[in-house]
Amino acid sequence: MAEIPQNDAERKRARKVGLLMLGAFGAMALLACCGGGAWVGFAGYNSESAGVRAMYVAALPMGFTLFGLLGAAAGHFLVKESALLKVVLPVVAGGVGGPLVLALIFVFFQFIFPAL
């Protein structure tokens, strides 16, 4: 079977969607990491337990946006023709990465940090 050439307009649309997702997740990651890190630092300045609680709250948005940024970069550079996949990939990567980072932070503060 002969392969049908992809429409050039569709590829341009997919590229624009990829750039949009990359920029959006980049801006969100910058805000979440800088804002969350500053908030954890301010909370933990006088109280270690307040800093730990602040990290529990900040870990989910930080993980979501960072893993979403990785998914957006992968979608932009690896997926050439599907605009839908360029939107879904960062959202799914963030949806998996946010709870994963929260779980890792929880394990660290519950089991590793007290032993130090």
PDB file of N, CA and C in Angstrom:
ATOM      1  N   MET A   1       0.829  -1.174   0.000  1.00  0.00           N
ATOM      2  CA  MET A   1       0.000   0.000   0.000  1.00  0.00           C
ATOM      3  C   MET A   1       0.880   1.247   0.000  1.00  0.00           C
ATOM      4  N   ALA A   2       0.557   2.181  -0.826  1.00  0.00           N
ATOM      5  CA  ALA A   2       1.323   3.428  -0.911  1.00  0.00           C
ATOM      6  C   ALA A   2       1.001   4.307   0.285  1.00  0.00           C
ATOM      7  N   GLU A   3       2.024   4.954   0.788  1.00  0.00           N
ATOM      8  CA  GLU A   3       1.834   5.824   1.944  1.00  0.00           C
ATOM      9  C   GLU A   3       1.357   7.199   1.485  1.00  0.00           C
ATOM     10  N   ILE A   4       0.377   7.712   2.156  1.00  0.00           N
ATOM     11  CA  ILE A   4      -0.182   9.018   1.823  1.00  0.00           C
ATOM     12  C   ILE A   4       0.676  10.091   2.474  1.00  0.00           C
ATOM     13  N   PRO A   5       1.142  11.078   1.719  1.00  0.00           N
ATOM     14  CA  PRO A   5       1.963  12.133   2.332  1.00  0.00           C
ATOM     15  C   PRO A   5       1.154  12.973   3.320  1.00  0.00           C
ATOM     16  N   GLN A   6       1.801  13.315   4.409  1.00  0.00           N
ATOM     17  CA  GLN A   6       1.139  14.091   5.470  1.00  0.00           C
ATOM     18  C   GLN A   6       0.956  15.530   5.010  1.00  0.00           C
ATOM     19  N   ASN A   7      -0.145  16.089   5.375  1.00  0.00           N
ATOM     20  CA  ASN A   7      -0.470  17.471   5.039  1.00  0.00           C
ATOM     21  C   ASN A   7       0.504  18.412   5.756  1.00  0.00           C
ATOM     22  N   ASP A   8       1.082  19.339   5.018  1.00  0.00           N
ATOM     23  CA  ASP A   8       2.054  20.267   5.587  1.00  0.00           C
ATOM     24  C   ASP A   8       1.415  21.190   6.628  1.00  0.00           C
ATOM     25  N   ALA A   9       0.163  21.560   6.399  1.00  0.00           N
ATOM     26  CA  ALA A   9      -0.536  22.425   7.362  1.00  0.00           C
ATOM     27  C   ALA A   9      -0.736  21.707   8.691  1.00  0.00           C
ATOM     28  N   GLU A  10      -0.984  20.405   8.635  1.00  0.00           N
ATOM     29  CA  GLU A  10      -1.157  19.629   9.875  1.00  0.00           C
ATOM     30  C   GLU A  10       0.147  19.557  10.667  1.00  0.00           C
ATOM     31  N   ARG A  11       1.261  19.419   9.961  1.00  0.00           N
ATOM     32  CA  ARG A  11       2.559  19.380  10.642  1.00  0.00           C
ATOM     33  C   ARG A  11       2.885  20.730  11.281  1.00  0.00           C
ATOM     34  N   LYS A  12       2.556  21.823  10.597  1.00  0.00           N
ATOM     35  CA  LYS A  12       2.782  23.154  11.166  1.00  0.00           C
ATOM     36  C   LYS A  12       1.921  23.367  12.405  1.00  0.00           C
ATOM     37  N   ARG A  13       0.671  22.911  12.347  1.00  0.00           N
ATOM     38  CA  ARG A  13      -0.230  23.024  13.500  1.00  0.00           C
ATOM     39  C   ARG A  13       0.298  22.212  14.678  1.00  0.00           C
ATOM     40  N   ALA A  14       0.779  20.991  14.395  1.00  0.00           N
ATOM     41  CA  ALA A  14       1.327  20.153  15.454  1.00  0.00           C
ATOM     42  C   ALA A  14       2.579  20.786  16.056  1.00  0.00           C
ATOM     43  N   ARG A  15       3.395  21.423  15.225  1.00  0.00           N
ATOM     44  CA  ARG A  15       4.596  22.084  15.739  1.00  0.00           C
ATOM     45  C   ARG A  15       4.231  23.256  16.646  1.00  0.00           C
ATOM     46  N   LYS A  16       3.224  24.034  16.246  1.00  0.00           N
ATOM     47  CA  LYS A  16       2.779  25.152  17.081  1.00  0.00           C
ATOM     48  C   LYS A  16       2.230  24.660  18.412  1.00  0.00           C
ATOM     49  N   VAL A  17       1.477  23.573  18.385  1.00  0.00           N
ATOM     50  CA  VAL A  17       0.934  23.006  19.625  1.00  0.00           C
ATOM     51  C   VAL A  17       2.068  22.527  20.515  1.00  0.00           C
ATOM     52  N   GLY A  18       3.085  21.897  19.932  1.00  0.00           N
ATOM     53  CA  GLY A  18       4.244  21.442  20.705  1.00  0.00           C
ATOM     54  C   GLY A  18       4.986  22.591  21.360  1.00  0.00           C
ATOM     55  N   LEU A  19       5.183  23.669  20.612  1.00  0.00           N
ATOM     56  CA  LEU A  19       5.848  24.843  21.191  1.00  0.00           C
ATOM     57  C   LEU A  19       5.014  25.476  22.295  1.00  0.00           C
ATOM     58  N   LEU A  20       3.700  25.502  22.098  1.00  0.00           N
ATOM     59  CA  LEU A  20       2.810  26.046  23.119  1.00  0.00           C
ATOM     60  C   LEU A  20       2.883  25.231  24.405  1.00  0.00           C
ATOM     61  N   MET A  21       2.848  23.919  24.287  1.00  0.00           N
ATOM     62  CA  MET A  21       2.923  23.066  25.476  1.00  0.00           C
ATOM     63  C   MET A  21       4.284  23.185  26.155  1.00  0.00           C
ATOM     64  N   LEU A  22       5.330  23.265  25.359  1.00  0.00           N
ATOM     65  CA  LEU A  22       6.672  23.416  25.921  1.00  0.00           C
ATOM     66  C   LEU A  22       6.795  24.734  26.680  1.00  0.00           C
ATOM     67  N   GLY A  23       6.289  25.811  26.114  1.00  0.00           N
ATOM     68  CA  GLY A  23       6.328  27.106  26.797  1.00  0.00           C
ATOM     69  C   GLY A  23       5.455  27.147  28.034  1.00  0.00           C
ATOM     70  N   ALA A  24       4.270  26.565  27.932  1.00  0.00           N
ATOM     71  CA  ALA A  24       3.358  26.574  29.082  1.00  0.00           C
ATOM     72  C   ALA A  24       3.924  25.769  30.242  1.00  0.00           C
ATOM     73  N   PHE A  25       4.418  24.576  29.966  1.00  0.00           N
ATOM     74  CA  PHE A  25       4.980  23.775  31.056  1.00  0.00           C
ATOM     75  C   PHE A  25       6.299  24.342  31.551  1.00  0.00           C
ATOM     76  N   GLY A  26       7.049  25.016  30.695  1.00  0.00           N
ATOM     77  CA  GLY A  26       8.266  25.682  31.147  1.00  0.00           C
ATOM     78  C   GLY A  26       7.969  26.801  32.125  1.00  0.00           C
ATOM     79  N   ALA A  27       6.970  27.616  31.798  1.00  0.00           N
ATOM     80  CA  ALA A  27       6.593  28.715  32.694  1.00  0.00           C
ATOM     81  C   ALA A  27       6.022  28.183  34.005  1.00  0.00           C
ATOM     82  N   MET A  28       5.177  27.144  33.914  1.00  0.00           N
ATOM     83  CA  MET A  28       4.611  26.572  35.143  1.00  0.00           C
ATOM     84  C   MET A  28       5.691  25.938  36.007  1.00  0.00           C
ATOM     85  N   ALA A  29       6.659  25.264  35.390  1.00  0.00           N
ATOM     86  CA  ALA A  29       7.743  24.644  36.160  1.00  0.00           C
ATOM     87  C   ALA A  29       8.592  25.708  36.844  1.00  0.00           C
ATOM     88  N   LEU A  30       8.852  26.801  36.141  1.00  0.00           N
ATOM     89  CA  LEU A  30       9.623  27.886  36.742  1.00  0.00           C
ATOM     90  C   LEU A  30       8.896  28.467  37.957  1.00  0.00           C
ATOM     91  N   LEU A  31       7.613  28.727  37.800  1.00  0.00           N
ATOM     92  CA  LEU A  31       6.838  29.281  38.918  1.00  0.00           C
ATOM     93  C   LEU A  31       6.717  28.291  40.073  1.00  0.00           C
ATOM     94  N   ALA A  32       6.427  27.038  39.758  1.00  0.00           N
ATOM     95  CA  ALA A  32       6.231  26.042  40.820  1.00  0.00           C
ATOM     96  C   ALA A  32       7.523  25.778  41.575  1.00  0.00           C
ATOM     97  N   CYS A  33       8.626  25.663  40.865  1.00  0.00           N
ATOM     98  CA  CYS A  33       9.889  25.341  41.540  1.00  0.00           C
ATOM     99  C   CYS A  33      10.458  26.531  42.302  1.00  0.00           C
ATOM    100  N   CYS A  34      10.432  27.710  41.698  1.00  0.00           N
ATOM    101  CA  CYS A  34      10.943  28.888  42.406  1.00  0.00           C
ATOM    102  C   CYS A  34      10.022  29.274  43.562  1.00  0.00           C
ATOM    103  N   GLY A  35       8.728  29.325  43.283  1.00  0.00           N
ATOM    104  CA  GLY A  35       7.781  29.675  44.344  1.00  0.00           C
ATOM    105  C   GLY A  35       7.704  28.627  45.429  1.00  0.00           C
ATOM    106  N   GLY A  36       7.651  27.363  45.027  1.00  0.00           N
ATOM    107  CA  GLY A  36       7.592  26.282  46.016  1.00  0.00           C
ATOM    108  C   GLY A  36       8.865  26.188  46.830  1.00  0.00           C
ATOM    109  N   GLY A  37      10.008  26.345  46.166  1.00  0.00           N
ATOM    110  CA  GLY A  37      11.279  26.304  46.891  1.00  0.00           C
ATOM    111  C   GLY A  37      11.419  27.449  47.873  1.00  0.00           C
ATOM    112  N   ALA A  38      10.996  28.638  47.471  1.00  0.00           N
ATOM    113  CA  ALA A  38      11.048  29.786  48.383  1.00  0.00           C
ATOM    114  C   ALA A  38      10.101  29.579  49.554  1.00  0.00           C
ATOM    115  N   TRP A  39       8.912  29.045  49.260  1.00  0.00           N
ATOM    116  CA  TRP A  39       7.937  28.812  50.328  1.00  0.00           C
ATOM    117  C   TRP A  39       8.458  27.783  51.328  1.00  0.00           C
ATOM    118  N   VAL A  40       9.078  26.720  50.846  1.00  0.00           N
ATOM    119  CA  VAL A  40       9.657  25.705  51.740  1.00  0.00           C
ATOM    120  C   VAL A  40      10.794  26.314  52.554  1.00  0.00           C
ATOM    121  N   GLY A  41      11.602  27.137  51.919  1.00  0.00           N
ATOM    122  CA  GLY A  41      12.698  27.790  52.647  1.00  0.00           C
ATOM    123  C   GLY A  41      12.204  28.717  53.732  1.00  0.00           C
ATOM    124  N   PHE A  42      11.177  29.521  53.426  1.00  0.00           N
ATOM    125  CA  PHE A  42      10.621  30.415  54.437  1.00  0.00           C
ATOM    126  C   PHE A  42       9.956  29.638  55.560  1.00  0.00           C
ATOM    127  N   ALA A  43       9.259  28.576  55.213  1.00  0.00           N
ATOM    128  CA  ALA A  43       8.578  27.783  56.242  1.00  0.00           C
ATOM    129  C   ALA A  43       9.577  27.048  57.124  1.00  0.00           C
ATOM    130  N   GLY A  44      10.660  26.566  56.538  1.00  0.00           N
ATOM    131  CA  GLY A  44      11.629  25.806  57.307  1.00  0.00           C
ATOM    132  C   GLY A  44      12.690  26.631  57.984  1.00  0.00           C
ATOM    133  N   TYR A  45      12.632  27.948  57.851  1.00  0.00           N
ATOM    134  CA  TYR A  45      13.657  28.803  58.444  1.00  0.00           C
ATOM    135  C   TYR A  45      13.686  28.691  59.961  1.00  0.00           C
ATOM    136  N   ASN A  46      12.528  28.714  60.593  1.00  0.00           N
ATOM    137  CA  ASN A  46      12.473  28.637  62.053  1.00  0.00           C
ATOM    138  C   ASN A  46      12.052  27.275  62.571  1.00  0.00           C
ATOM    139  N   SER A  47      11.366  26.496  61.749  1.00  0.00           N
ATOM    140  CA  SER A  47      10.825  25.230  62.215  1.00  0.00           C
ATOM    141  C   SER A  47      11.060  24.144  61.178  1.00  0.00           C
ATOM    142  N   GLU A  48      11.777  23.113  61.579  1.00  0.00           N
ATOM    143  CA  GLU A  48      12.050  22.005  60.678  1.00  0.00           C
ATOM    144  C   GLU A  48      10.769  21.272  60.284  1.00  0.00           C
ATOM    145  N   SER A  49       9.881  21.090  61.230  1.00  0.00           N
ATOM    146  CA  SER A  49       8.634  20.377  60.923  1.00  0.00           C
ATOM    147  C   SER A  49       7.737  21.191  59.984  1.00  0.00           C
ATOM    148  N   ALA A  50       7.764  22.509  60.093  1.00  0.00           N
ATOM    149  CA  ALA A  50       6.998  23.346  59.167  1.00  0.00           C
ATOM    150  C   ALA A  50       7.580  23.249  57.759  1.00  0.00           C
ATOM    151  N   GLY A  51       8.888  23.162  57.653  1.00  0.00           N
ATOM    152  CA  GLY A  51       9.528  22.993  56.353  1.00  0.00           C
ATOM    153  C   GLY A  51       9.183  21.660  55.719  1.00  0.00           C
ATOM    154  N   VAL A  52       9.106  20.611  56.527  1.00  0.00           N
ATOM    155  CA  VAL A  52       8.719  19.294  56.022  1.00  0.00           C
ATOM    156  C   VAL A  52       7.276  19.316  55.530  1.00  0.00           C
ATOM    157  N   ARG A  53       6.383  19.929  56.302  1.00  0.00           N
ATOM    158  CA  ARG A  53       4.971  20.020  55.878  1.00  0.00           C
ATOM    159  C   ARG A  53       4.836  20.854  54.607  1.00  0.00           C
ATOM    160  N   ALA A  54       5.603  21.922  54.508  1.00  0.00           N
ATOM    161  CA  ALA A  54       5.568  22.742  53.295  1.00  0.00           C
ATOM    162  C   ALA A  54       6.097  21.957  52.097  1.00  0.00           C
ATOM    163  N   MET A  55       7.089  21.118  52.305  1.00  0.00           N
ATOM    164  CA  MET A  55       7.604  20.308  51.201  1.00  0.00           C
ATOM    165  C   MET A  55       6.590  19.277  50.748  1.00  0.00           C
ATOM    166  N   TYR A  56       5.819  18.727  51.680  1.00  0.00           N
ATOM    167  CA  TYR A  56       4.747  17.797  51.296  1.00  0.00           C
ATOM    168  C   TYR A  56       3.737  18.491  50.384  1.00  0.00           C
ATOM    169  N   VAL A  57       3.427  19.732  50.666  1.00  0.00           N
ATOM    170  CA  VAL A  57       2.450  20.464  49.851  1.00  0.00           C
ATOM    171  C   VAL A  57       3.075  20.879  48.513  1.00  0.00           C
ATOM    172  N   ALA A  58       4.329  21.274  48.510  1.00  0.00           N
ATOM    173  CA  ALA A  58       4.965  21.783  47.296  1.00  0.00           C
ATOM    174  C   ALA A  58       5.444  20.673  46.369  1.00  0.00           C
ATOM    175  N   ALA A  59       5.581  19.453  46.859  1.00  0.00           N
ATOM    176  CA  ALA A  59       6.149  18.376  46.038  1.00  0.00           C
ATOM    177  C   ALA A  59       5.257  18.011  44.859  1.00  0.00           C
ATOM    178  N   LEU A  60       3.959  17.977  45.046  1.00  0.00           N
ATOM    179  CA  LEU A  60       3.058  17.572  43.960  1.00  0.00           C
ATOM    180  C   LEU A  60       3.092  18.549  42.779  1.00  0.00           C
ATOM    181  N   PRO A  61       2.913  19.870  42.991  1.00  0.00           N
ATOM    182  CA  PRO A  61       2.997  20.756  41.832  1.00  0.00           C
ATOM    183  C   PRO A  61       4.388  20.811  41.204  1.00  0.00           C
ATOM    184  N   MET A  62       5.420  20.694  42.018  1.00  0.00           N
ATOM    185  CA  MET A  62       6.774  20.685  41.465  1.00  0.00           C
ATOM    186  C   MET A  62       6.990  19.460  40.581  1.00  0.00           C
ATOM    187  N   GLY A  63       6.597  18.309  41.073  1.00  0.00           N
ATOM    188  CA  GLY A  63       6.752  17.082  40.293  1.00  0.00           C
ATOM    189  C   GLY A  63       5.900  17.084  39.045  1.00  0.00           C
ATOM    190  N   PHE A  64       4.658  17.575  39.161  1.00  0.00           N
ATOM    191  CA  PHE A  64       3.779  17.619  37.997  1.00  0.00           C
ATOM    192  C   PHE A  64       4.362  18.489  36.898  1.00  0.00           C
ATOM    193  N   THR A  65       4.820  19.668  37.261  1.00  0.00           N
ATOM    194  CA  THR A  65       5.309  20.587  36.229  1.00  0.00           C
ATOM    195  C   THR A  65       6.659  20.143  35.665  1.00  0.00           C
ATOM    196  N   LEU A  66       7.542  19.599  36.487  1.00  0.00           N
ATOM    197  CA  LEU A  66       8.843  19.168  35.966  1.00  0.00           C
ATOM    198  C   LEU A  66       8.707  17.955  35.048  1.00  0.00           C
ATOM    199  N   PHE A  67       7.919  16.970  35.460  1.00  0.00           N
ATOM    200  CA  PHE A  67       7.711  15.813  34.597  1.00  0.00           C
ATOM    201  C   PHE A  67       6.891  16.201  33.370  1.00  0.00           C
ATOM    202  N   GLY A  68       5.962  17.128  33.528  1.00  0.00           N
ATOM    203  CA  GLY A  68       5.217  17.632  32.381  1.00  0.00           C
ATOM    204  C   GLY A  68       6.121  18.357  31.405  1.00  0.00           C
ATOM    205  N   LEU A  69       7.100  19.093  31.920  1.00  0.00           N
ATOM    206  CA  LEU A  69       8.068  19.769  31.055  1.00  0.00           C
ATOM    207  C   LEU A  69       8.897  18.746  30.289  1.00  0.00           C
ATOM    208  N   LEU A  70       9.302  17.672  30.957  1.00  0.00           N
ATOM    209  CA  LEU A  70      10.031  16.617  30.250  1.00  0.00           C
ATOM    210  C   LEU A  70       9.154  15.970  29.177  1.00  0.00           C
ATOM    211  N   GLY A  71       7.878  15.740  29.502  1.00  0.00           N
ATOM    212  CA  GLY A  71       6.957  15.182  28.519  1.00  0.00           C
ATOM    213  C   GLY A  71       6.713  16.123  27.357  1.00  0.00           C
ATOM    214  N   ALA A  72       6.632  17.418  27.641  1.00  0.00           N
ATOM    215  CA  ALA A  72       6.440  18.397  26.567  1.00  0.00           C
ATOM    216  C   ALA A  72       7.668  18.459  25.666  1.00  0.00           C
ATOM    217  N   ALA A  73       8.847  18.384  26.256  1.00  0.00           N
ATOM    218  CA  ALA A  73      10.070  18.381  25.447  1.00  0.00           C
ATOM    219  C   ALA A  73      10.142  17.127  24.592  1.00  0.00           C
ATOM    220  N   ALA A  74       9.815  15.982  25.178  1.00  0.00           N
ATOM    221  CA  ALA A  74       9.806  14.737  24.402  1.00  0.00           C
ATOM    222  C   ALA A  74       8.763  14.808  23.294  1.00  0.00           C
ATOM    223  N   GLY A  75       7.596  15.324  23.601  1.00  0.00           N
ATOM    224  CA  GLY A  75       6.557  15.456  22.590  1.00  0.00           C
ATOM    225  C   GLY A  75       6.947  16.408  21.475  1.00  0.00           C
ATOM    226  N   HIS A  76       7.608  17.481  21.826  1.00  0.00           N
ATOM    227  CA  HIS A  76       7.996  18.465  20.803  1.00  0.00           C
ATOM    228  C   HIS A  76       9.074  17.912  19.873  1.00  0.00           C
ATOM    229  N   PHE A  77      10.050  17.223  20.440  1.00  0.00           N
ATOM    230  CA  PHE A  77      11.168  16.780  19.629  1.00  0.00           C
ATOM    231  C   PHE A  77      10.969  15.401  19.000  1.00  0.00           C
ATOM    232  N   LEU A  78      10.156  14.547  19.595  1.00  0.00           N
ATOM    233  CA  LEU A  78      10.004  13.190  19.077  1.00  0.00           C
ATOM    234  C   LEU A  78       8.741  12.973  18.259  1.00  0.00           C
ATOM    235  N   VAL A  79       7.669  13.672  18.593  1.00  0.00           N
ATOM    236  CA  VAL A  79       6.404  13.501  17.868  1.00  0.00           C
ATOM    237  C   VAL A  79       6.326  14.594  16.812  1.00  0.00           C
ATOM    238  N   LYS A  80       6.164  14.195  15.567  1.00  0.00           N
ATOM    239  CA  LYS A  80       6.189  15.178  14.489  1.00  0.00           C
ATOM    240  C   LYS A  80       4.807  15.533  13.953  1.00  0.00           C
ATOM    241  N   GLU A  81       3.840  14.617  14.000  1.00  0.00           N
ATOM    242  CA  GLU A  81       2.612  14.829  13.250  1.00  0.00           C
ATOM    243  C   GLU A  81       1.344  14.904  14.081  1.00  0.00           C
ATOM    244  N   SER A  82       1.341  14.463  15.304  1.00  0.00           N
ATOM    245  CA  SER A  82       0.107  14.387  16.077  1.00  0.00           C
ATOM    246  C   SER A  82       0.039  15.512  17.115  1.00  0.00           C
ATOM    247  N   ALA A  83      -0.874  16.450  16.885  1.00  0.00           N
ATOM    248  CA  ALA A  83      -1.055  17.541  17.849  1.00  0.00           C
ATOM    249  C   ALA A  83      -1.685  17.013  19.138  1.00  0.00           C
ATOM    250  N   LEU A  84      -2.575  16.037  19.024  1.00  0.00           N
ATOM    251  CA  LEU A  84      -3.213  15.468  20.210  1.00  0.00           C
ATOM    252  C   LEU A  84      -2.189  14.798  21.119  1.00  0.00           C
ATOM    253  N   LEU A  85      -1.267  14.068  20.539  1.00  0.00           N
ATOM    254  CA  LEU A  85      -0.237  13.397  21.334  1.00  0.00           C
ATOM    255  C   LEU A  85       0.693  14.407  22.001  1.00  0.00           C
ATOM    256  N   LYS A  86       0.919  15.540  21.355  1.00  0.00           N
ATOM    257  CA  LYS A  86       1.755  16.575  21.947  1.00  0.00           C
ATOM    258  C   LYS A  86       1.079  17.248  23.139  1.00  0.00           C
ATOM    259  N   VAL A  87      -0.244  17.164  23.219  1.00  0.00           N
ATOM    260  CA  VAL A  87      -0.972  17.708  24.362  1.00  0.00           C
ATOM    261  C   VAL A  87      -1.088  16.653  25.465  1.00  0.00           C
ATOM    262  N   VAL A  88      -1.360  15.428  25.079  1.00  0.00           N
ATOM    263  CA  VAL A  88      -1.610  14.363  26.055  1.00  0.00           C
ATOM    264  C   VAL A  88      -0.322  13.929  26.761  1.00  0.00           C
ATOM    265  N   LEU A  89       0.773  13.862  26.031  1.00  0.00           N
ATOM    266  CA  LEU A  89       2.025  13.358  26.602  1.00  0.00           C
ATOM    267  C   LEU A  89       2.498  14.138  27.830  1.00  0.00           C
ATOM    268  N   PRO A  90       2.558  15.476  27.812  1.00  0.00           N
ATOM    269  CA  PRO A  90       2.996  16.176  29.028  1.00  0.00           C
ATOM    270  C   PRO A  90       2.009  16.071  30.185  1.00  0.00           C
ATOM    271  N   VAL A  91       0.723  16.016  29.874  1.00  0.00           N
ATOM    272  CA  VAL A  91      -0.275  15.910  30.948  1.00  0.00           C
ATOM    273  C   VAL A  91      -0.171  14.547  31.633  1.00  0.00           C
ATOM    274  N   VAL A  92      -0.009  13.491  30.858  1.00  0.00           N
ATOM    275  CA  VAL A  92       0.133  12.153  31.438  1.00  0.00           C
ATOM    276  C   VAL A  92       1.455  12.037  32.192  1.00  0.00           C
ATOM    277  N   ALA A  93       2.536  12.561  31.614  1.00  0.00           N
ATOM    278  CA  ALA A  93       3.831  12.517  32.299  1.00  0.00           C
ATOM    279  C   ALA A  93       3.773  13.278  33.623  1.00  0.00           C
ATOM    280  N   GLY A  94       3.119  14.430  33.632  1.00  0.00           N
ATOM    281  CA  GLY A  94       2.957  15.179  34.876  1.00  0.00           C
ATOM    282  C   GLY A  94       2.053  14.470  35.861  1.00  0.00           C
ATOM    283  N   GLY A  95       1.000  13.847  35.357  1.00  0.00           N
ATOM    284  CA  GLY A  95       0.088  13.108  36.228  1.00  0.00           C
ATOM    285  C   GLY A  95       0.741  11.911  36.890  1.00  0.00           C
ATOM    286  N   VAL A  96       1.717  11.335  36.242  1.00  0.00           N
ATOM    287  CA  VAL A  96       2.469  10.226  36.842  1.00  0.00           C
ATOM    288  C   VAL A  96       3.595  10.775  37.715  1.00  0.00           C
ATOM    289  N   GLY A  97       4.254  11.817  37.255  1.00  0.00           N
ATOM    290  CA  GLY A  97       5.419  12.348  37.957  1.00  0.00           C
ATOM    291  C   GLY A  97       5.103  13.065  39.250  1.00  0.00           C
ATOM    292  N   GLY A  98       3.988  13.784  39.305  1.00  0.00           N
ATOM    293  CA  GLY A  98       3.634  14.508  40.527  1.00  0.00           C
ATOM    294  C   GLY A  98       3.452  13.592  41.732  1.00  0.00           C
ATOM    295  N   PRO A  99       2.587  12.581  41.643  1.00  0.00           N
ATOM    296  CA  PRO A  99       2.455  11.649  42.769  1.00  0.00           C
ATOM    297  C   PRO A  99       3.728  10.853  43.051  1.00  0.00           C
ATOM    298  N   LEU A 100       4.516  10.573  42.014  1.00  0.00           N
ATOM    299  CA  LEU A 100       5.777   9.863  42.221  1.00  0.00           C
ATOM    300  C   LEU A 100       6.738  10.699  43.062  1.00  0.00           C
ATOM    301  N   VAL A 101       6.868  11.969  42.743  1.00  0.00           N
ATOM    302  CA  VAL A 101       7.742  12.850  43.517  1.00  0.00           C
ATOM    303  C   VAL A 101       7.222  12.995  44.950  1.00  0.00           C
ATOM    304  N   LEU A 102       5.902  13.123  45.097  1.00  0.00           N
ATOM    305  CA  LEU A 102       5.320  13.206  46.443  1.00  0.00           C
ATOM    306  C   LEU A 102       5.619  11.944  47.246  1.00  0.00           C
ATOM    307  N   ALA A 103       5.509  10.777  46.619  1.00  0.00           N
ATOM    308  CA  ALA A 103       5.813   9.520  47.310  1.00  0.00           C
ATOM    309  C   ALA A 103       7.290   9.441  47.689  1.00  0.00           C
ATOM    310  N   LEU A 104       8.164   9.878  46.802  1.00  0.00           N
ATOM    311  CA  LEU A 104       9.592   9.857  47.120  1.00  0.00           C
ATOM    312  C   LEU A 104       9.938  10.823  48.247  1.00  0.00           C
ATOM    313  N   ILE A 105       9.320  11.989  48.249  1.00  0.00           N
ATOM    314  CA  ILE A 105       9.532  12.945  49.338  1.00  0.00           C
ATOM    315  C   ILE A 105       9.021  12.367  50.652  1.00  0.00           C
ATOM    316  N   PHE A 106       7.867  11.724  50.620  1.00  0.00           N
ATOM    317  CA  PHE A 106       7.308  11.109  51.821  1.00  0.00           C
ATOM    318  C   PHE A 106       8.245  10.031  52.362  1.00  0.00           C
ATOM    319  N   VAL A 107       8.739   9.154  51.480  1.00  0.00           N
ATOM    320  CA  VAL A 107       9.661   8.093  51.917  1.00  0.00           C
ATOM    321  C   VAL A 107      10.930   8.708  52.498  1.00  0.00           C
ATOM    322  N   PHE A 108      11.441   9.750  51.868  1.00  0.00           N
ATOM    323  CA  PHE A 108      12.649  10.373  52.381  1.00  0.00           C
ATOM    324  C   PHE A 108      12.442  10.943  53.778  1.00  0.00           C
ATOM    325  N   PHE A 109      11.377  11.728  53.952  1.00  0.00           N
ATOM    326  CA  PHE A 109      11.185  12.388  55.241  1.00  0.00           C
ATOM    327  C   PHE A 109      10.702  11.436  56.331  1.00  0.00           C
ATOM    328  N   GLN A 110      10.081  10.337  55.991  1.00  0.00           N
ATOM    329  CA  GLN A 110       9.599   9.411  57.007  1.00  0.00           C
ATOM    330  C   GLN A 110      10.653   8.363  57.405  1.00  0.00           C
ATOM    331  N   PHE A 111      11.490   7.956  56.461  1.00  0.00           N
ATOM    332  CA  PHE A 111      12.390   6.840  56.746  1.00  0.00           C
ATOM    333  C   PHE A 111      13.870   7.205  56.702  1.00  0.00           C
ATOM    334  N   ILE A 112      14.274   8.053  55.790  1.00  0.00           N
ATOM    335  CA  ILE A 112      15.700   8.334  55.632  1.00  0.00           C
ATOM    336  C   ILE A 112      16.128   9.521  56.488  1.00  0.00           C
ATOM    337  N   PHE A 113      15.387  10.610  56.461  1.00  0.00           N
ATOM    338  CA  PHE A 113      15.778  11.821  57.174  1.00  0.00           C
ATOM    339  C   PHE A 113      15.877  11.611  58.692  1.00  0.00           C
ATOM    340  N   PRO A 114      14.973  10.870  59.341  1.00  0.00           N
ATOM    341  CA  PRO A 114      15.138  10.678  60.785  1.00  0.00           C
ATOM    342  C   PRO A 114      16.392   9.884  61.158  1.00  0.00           C
ATOM    343  N   ALA A 115      16.877   9.062  60.232  1.00  0.00           N
ATOM    344  CA  ALA A 115      18.057   8.266  60.522  1.00  0.00           C
ATOM    345  C   ALA A 115      19.362   9.045  60.345  1.00  0.00           C
ATOM    346  N   LEU A 116      19.279  10.225  59.783  1.00  0.00           N
ATOM    347  CA  LEU A 116      20.513  11.000  59.560  1.00  0.00           C
ATOM    348  C   LEU A 116      21.024  11.659  60.812  1.00  0.00           C
TER     349      LEU A 116
END
